[in-house]
Amino acid sequence: MARAGEITNAVNVGITVQADWENREFISHISLNVCRLFEFLVQFEAATKSKLASLNEKLDTLERRWSFLKIKKVLHQRTPLFLVDISTFIVDDEYDECSM
């Protein structure tokens, strides 16, 4: 009878060990996927920051050009062309535009 109890106990230990390995494998998969998700989010953040910085520069350029065109329109409406002092405009080579 003692042997039957030992066999049952050994089977229970084997089942417990198998369940433990399955749990560890599951946790390992979850941990790996969390790490992959984190790496993706870090890369996504970097790419998004870069694209937003580029868009911000383009928007700044458009805003400067828009301001220049508004000033040019006002000067054209208020002042005859032969009275406009062109030397007051500063050429910005970086953006190929003029500003006052």
N, C-alpha and C. Protein backbone atom coordinates (compact mmCIF):
# COMPACT_ATOMS: atom_id res chain seq x y z
N MET A 1 0.81 -1.19 0.00
CA MET A 1 0.00 0.00 0.00
C MET A 1 0.85 1.25 0.00
N ALA A 2 1.97 1.20 0.62
CA ALA A 2 2.83 2.36 0.67
C ALA A 2 3.29 2.72 -0.72
N ARG A 3 3.50 1.70 -1.54
CA ARG A 3 3.94 1.97 -2.92
C ARG A 3 2.87 2.70 -3.71
N ALA A 4 1.64 2.37 -3.56
CA ALA A 4 0.56 3.03 -4.29
C ALA A 4 0.51 4.50 -3.90
N GLY A 5 0.73 4.80 -2.63
CA GLY A 5 0.75 6.19 -2.16
C GLY A 5 1.93 6.94 -2.74
N GLU A 6 3.09 6.27 -2.83
CA GLU A 6 4.28 6.91 -3.39
C GLU A 6 4.08 7.21 -4.87
N ILE A 7 3.47 6.27 -5.59
CA ILE A 7 3.23 6.47 -7.03
C ILE A 7 2.26 7.63 -7.24
N THR A 8 1.22 7.67 -6.45
CA THR A 8 0.25 8.76 -6.55
C THR A 8 0.92 10.08 -6.24
N ASN A 9 1.77 10.10 -5.23
CA ASN A 9 2.49 11.32 -4.85
C ASN A 9 3.44 11.75 -5.97
N ALA A 10 4.13 10.80 -6.60
CA ALA A 10 5.04 11.10 -7.70
C ALA A 10 4.28 11.64 -8.90
N VAL A 11 3.12 11.08 -9.17
CA VAL A 11 2.29 11.57 -10.28
C VAL A 11 1.84 13.00 -9.99
N ASN A 12 1.44 13.26 -8.75
CA ASN A 12 1.02 14.62 -8.37
C ASN A 12 2.17 15.61 -8.52
N VAL A 13 3.37 15.20 -8.13
CA VAL A 13 4.54 16.07 -8.27
C VAL A 13 4.82 16.31 -9.75
N GLY A 14 4.72 15.28 -10.57
CA GLY A 14 4.94 15.43 -12.01
C GLY A 14 3.94 16.39 -12.63
N ILE A 15 2.68 16.26 -12.23
CA ILE A 15 1.64 17.16 -12.74
C ILE A 15 1.93 18.60 -12.30
N THR A 16 2.34 18.76 -11.05
CA THR A 16 2.66 20.10 -10.53
C THR A 16 3.84 20.70 -11.27
N VAL A 17 4.86 19.89 -11.54
CA VAL A 17 6.04 20.39 -12.27
C VAL A 17 5.64 20.78 -13.69
N GLN A 18 4.83 19.95 -14.34
CA GLN A 18 4.38 20.25 -15.70
C GLN A 18 3.59 21.56 -15.73
N ALA A 19 2.70 21.73 -14.77
CA ALA A 19 1.90 22.96 -14.70
C ALA A 19 2.80 24.17 -14.45
N ASP A 20 3.82 23.99 -13.61
CA ASP A 20 4.76 25.08 -13.33
C ASP A 20 5.51 25.49 -14.60
N TRP A 21 5.96 24.51 -15.37
CA TRP A 21 6.67 24.81 -16.62
C TRP A 21 5.75 25.53 -17.61
N GLU A 22 4.50 25.11 -17.70
CA GLU A 22 3.55 25.77 -18.59
C GLU A 22 3.30 27.21 -18.16
N ASN A 23 3.18 27.43 -16.85
CA ASN A 23 3.00 28.78 -16.33
C ASN A 23 4.23 29.65 -16.62
N ARG A 24 5.41 29.09 -16.42
CA ARG A 24 6.64 29.85 -16.70
C ARG A 24 6.76 30.19 -18.18
N GLU A 25 6.38 29.24 -19.05
CA GLU A 25 6.43 29.49 -20.49
C GLU A 25 5.44 30.59 -20.87
N PHE A 26 4.26 30.54 -20.29
CA PHE A 26 3.26 31.57 -20.56
C PHE A 26 3.76 32.95 -20.10
N ILE A 27 4.32 33.02 -18.92
CA ILE A 27 4.87 34.28 -18.39
C ILE A 27 6.01 34.77 -19.27
N SER A 28 6.82 33.85 -19.75
CA SER A 28 7.92 34.22 -20.63
C SER A 28 7.40 34.83 -21.93
N HIS A 29 6.37 34.24 -22.51
CA HIS A 29 5.77 34.78 -23.73
C HIS A 29 5.18 36.17 -23.48
N ILE A 30 4.49 36.32 -22.38
CA ILE A 30 3.90 37.62 -22.03
C ILE A 30 5.01 38.67 -21.86
N SER A 31 6.06 38.32 -21.15
CA SER A 31 7.17 39.25 -20.94
C SER A 31 7.83 39.64 -22.25
N LEU A 32 8.03 38.68 -23.13
CA LEU A 32 8.62 38.96 -24.43
C LEU A 32 7.74 39.90 -25.24
N ASN A 33 6.45 39.65 -25.24
CA ASN A 33 5.53 40.50 -25.98
C ASN A 33 5.44 41.91 -25.40
N VAL A 34 5.52 42.02 -24.08
CA VAL A 34 5.53 43.35 -23.46
C VAL A 34 6.80 44.10 -23.87
N CYS A 35 7.93 43.42 -23.90
CA CYS A 35 9.18 44.05 -24.34
C CYS A 35 9.09 44.50 -25.79
N ARG A 36 8.53 43.67 -26.64
CA ARG A 36 8.37 44.04 -28.06
C ARG A 36 7.45 45.25 -28.20
N LEU A 37 6.37 45.25 -27.44
CA LEU A 37 5.44 46.38 -27.49
C LEU A 37 6.14 47.66 -27.02
N PHE A 38 6.92 47.57 -25.97
CA PHE A 38 7.65 48.73 -25.46
C PHE A 38 8.63 49.25 -26.51
N GLU A 39 9.38 48.35 -27.16
CA GLU A 39 10.33 48.75 -28.20
C GLU A 39 9.59 49.43 -29.35
N PHE A 40 8.44 48.88 -29.75
CA PHE A 40 7.65 49.49 -30.81
C PHE A 40 7.22 50.91 -30.43
N LEU A 41 6.75 51.06 -29.19
CA LEU A 41 6.30 52.38 -28.75
C LEU A 41 7.43 53.40 -28.71
N VAL A 42 8.62 52.96 -28.31
CA VAL A 42 9.78 53.86 -28.30
C VAL A 42 10.13 54.28 -29.72
N GLN A 43 10.14 53.34 -30.65
CA GLN A 43 10.44 53.66 -32.05
C GLN A 43 9.34 54.55 -32.65
N PHE A 44 8.10 54.26 -32.32
CA PHE A 44 6.98 55.06 -32.82
C PHE A 44 7.09 56.50 -32.31
N GLU A 45 7.43 56.66 -31.04
CA GLU A 45 7.59 57.99 -30.47
C GLU A 45 8.69 58.77 -31.19
N ALA A 46 9.82 58.12 -31.42
CA ALA A 46 10.93 58.78 -32.11
C ALA A 46 10.54 59.19 -33.52
N ALA A 47 9.89 58.30 -34.24
CA ALA A 47 9.48 58.60 -35.61
C ALA A 47 8.44 59.72 -35.62
N THR A 48 7.51 59.69 -34.69
CA THR A 48 6.48 60.71 -34.62
C THR A 48 7.08 62.07 -34.28
N LYS A 49 8.01 62.10 -33.33
CA LYS A 49 8.66 63.37 -32.99
C LYS A 49 9.39 63.94 -34.19
N SER A 50 10.07 63.10 -34.93
CA SER A 50 10.80 63.54 -36.11
C SER A 50 9.85 64.12 -37.15
N LYS A 51 8.78 63.41 -37.42
CA LYS A 51 7.81 63.88 -38.42
C LYS A 51 7.13 65.17 -37.97
N LEU A 52 6.79 65.26 -36.69
CA LEU A 52 6.17 66.48 -36.19
C LEU A 52 7.13 67.66 -36.24
N ALA A 53 8.40 67.43 -35.96
CA ALA A 53 9.39 68.51 -36.06
C ALA A 53 9.50 69.00 -37.50
N SER A 54 9.50 68.08 -38.44
CA SER A 54 9.56 68.44 -39.85
C SER A 54 8.33 69.24 -40.26
N LEU A 55 7.16 68.79 -39.84
CA LEU A 55 5.93 69.52 -40.15
C LEU A 55 5.91 70.89 -39.50
N ASN A 56 6.45 70.99 -38.30
CA ASN A 56 6.51 72.27 -37.61
C ASN A 56 7.39 73.26 -38.37
N GLU A 57 8.52 72.79 -38.88
CA GLU A 57 9.39 73.65 -39.68
C GLU A 57 8.67 74.13 -40.94
N LYS A 58 7.98 73.23 -41.60
CA LYS A 58 7.24 73.61 -42.81
C LYS A 58 6.14 74.62 -42.48
N LEU A 59 5.46 74.41 -41.36
CA LEU A 59 4.41 75.34 -40.95
C LEU A 59 4.99 76.71 -40.63
N ASP A 60 6.14 76.75 -39.95
CA ASP A 60 6.81 78.02 -39.67
C ASP A 60 7.15 78.75 -40.97
N THR A 61 7.65 78.01 -41.94
CA THR A 61 7.98 78.60 -43.24
C THR A 61 6.74 79.18 -43.90
N LEU A 62 5.65 78.42 -43.90
CA LEU A 62 4.41 78.90 -44.49
C LEU A 62 3.87 80.13 -43.76
N GLU A 63 3.98 80.15 -42.44
CA GLU A 63 3.52 81.31 -41.68
C GLU A 63 4.35 82.55 -42.02
N ARG A 64 5.66 82.39 -42.17
CA ARG A 64 6.52 83.52 -42.55
C ARG A 64 6.17 84.01 -43.95
N ARG A 65 5.97 83.10 -44.86
CA ARG A 65 5.61 83.49 -46.22
C ARG A 65 4.26 84.19 -46.24
N TRP A 66 3.30 83.68 -45.46
CA TRP A 66 1.99 84.30 -45.39
C TRP A 66 2.11 85.73 -44.84
N SER A 67 2.90 85.91 -43.79
CA SER A 67 3.12 87.24 -43.23
C SER A 67 3.74 88.16 -44.27
N PHE A 68 4.71 87.67 -44.99
CA PHE A 68 5.36 88.46 -46.02
C PHE A 68 4.35 88.89 -47.09
N LEU A 69 3.52 87.96 -47.53
CA LEU A 69 2.53 88.28 -48.56
C LEU A 69 1.50 89.30 -48.05
N LYS A 70 1.11 89.19 -46.78
CA LYS A 70 0.17 90.17 -46.23
C LYS A 70 0.81 91.55 -46.19
N ILE A 71 2.07 91.63 -45.77
CA ILE A 71 2.77 92.91 -45.73
C ILE A 71 2.92 93.47 -47.15
N LYS A 72 3.27 92.61 -48.07
CA LYS A 72 3.44 93.03 -49.45
C LYS A 72 2.12 93.58 -50.01
N LYS A 73 1.02 92.92 -49.69
CA LYS A 73 -0.29 93.36 -50.16
C LYS A 73 -0.64 94.72 -49.58
N VAL A 74 -0.41 94.88 -48.27
CA VAL A 74 -0.70 96.17 -47.62
C VAL A 74 0.15 97.27 -48.23
N LEU A 75 1.42 97.01 -48.43
CA LEU A 75 2.30 98.02 -49.03
C LEU A 75 1.86 98.35 -50.44
N HIS A 76 1.46 97.37 -51.17
CA HIS A 76 1.03 97.59 -52.55
C HIS A 76 -0.27 98.41 -52.59
N GLN A 77 -1.17 98.16 -51.64
CA GLN A 77 -2.45 98.88 -51.63
C GLN A 77 -2.27 100.33 -51.17
N ARG A 78 -1.37 100.55 -50.21
CA ARG A 78 -1.23 101.87 -49.60
C ARG A 78 -0.20 102.76 -50.29
N THR A 79 0.78 102.17 -50.91
CA THR A 79 1.89 102.94 -51.44
C THR A 79 2.04 102.68 -52.92
N PRO A 80 2.18 103.76 -53.69
CA PRO A 80 2.50 103.53 -55.09
C PRO A 80 3.84 102.81 -55.21
N LEU A 81 3.96 101.98 -56.21
CA LEU A 81 5.13 101.14 -56.36
C LEU A 81 6.43 101.92 -56.39
N PHE A 82 6.46 103.11 -57.00
CA PHE A 82 7.71 103.85 -57.11
C PHE A 82 8.14 104.48 -55.78
N LEU A 83 7.28 104.49 -54.74
CA LEU A 83 7.64 105.04 -53.45
C LEU A 83 8.10 103.97 -52.43
N VAL A 84 7.99 102.70 -52.76
CA VAL A 84 8.37 101.62 -51.84
C VAL A 84 9.89 101.52 -51.80
N ASP A 85 10.44 101.58 -50.59
CA ASP A 85 11.89 101.46 -50.41
C ASP A 85 12.25 99.98 -50.29
N ILE A 86 12.77 99.42 -51.35
CA ILE A 86 13.10 97.99 -51.39
C ILE A 86 14.20 97.65 -50.38
N SER A 87 15.03 98.59 -50.00
CA SER A 87 16.14 98.30 -49.10
C SER A 87 15.66 97.95 -47.69
N THR A 88 14.39 98.20 -47.37
CA THR A 88 13.89 97.85 -46.04
C THR A 88 13.59 96.36 -45.91
N PHE A 89 13.57 95.67 -47.03
CA PHE A 89 13.33 94.23 -46.99
C PHE A 89 14.65 93.50 -46.81
N ILE A 90 14.64 92.49 -45.94
CA ILE A 90 15.82 91.66 -45.70
C ILE A 90 15.55 90.31 -46.33
N VAL A 91 16.44 89.87 -47.17
CA VAL A 91 16.26 88.59 -47.84
C VAL A 91 16.77 87.48 -46.92
N ASP A 92 15.95 86.49 -46.70
CA ASP A 92 16.31 85.33 -45.89
C ASP A 92 16.61 84.18 -46.84
N ASP A 93 17.90 83.92 -47.08
CA ASP A 93 18.30 82.90 -48.04
C ASP A 93 17.85 81.50 -47.64
N GLU A 94 17.74 81.26 -46.34
CA GLU A 94 17.37 79.91 -45.90
C GLU A 94 15.99 79.52 -46.39
N TYR A 95 15.07 80.48 -46.40
CA TYR A 95 13.71 80.17 -46.81
C TYR A 95 13.34 80.81 -48.14
N ASP A 96 14.29 81.50 -48.76
CA ASP A 96 14.09 82.12 -50.06
C ASP A 96 12.84 83.01 -50.03
N GLU A 97 12.83 83.91 -49.06
CA GLU A 97 11.72 84.83 -48.93
C GLU A 97 12.22 86.14 -48.37
N CYS A 98 11.39 87.11 -48.38
CA CYS A 98 11.73 88.41 -47.82
C CYS A 98 10.89 88.64 -46.57
N SER A 99 11.43 89.41 -45.67
CA SER A 99 10.67 89.78 -44.48
C SER A 99 11.08 91.17 -44.06
N MET A 100 10.21 91.84 -43.35
CA MET A 100 10.51 93.19 -42.86
C MET A 100 10.92 93.13 -41.43
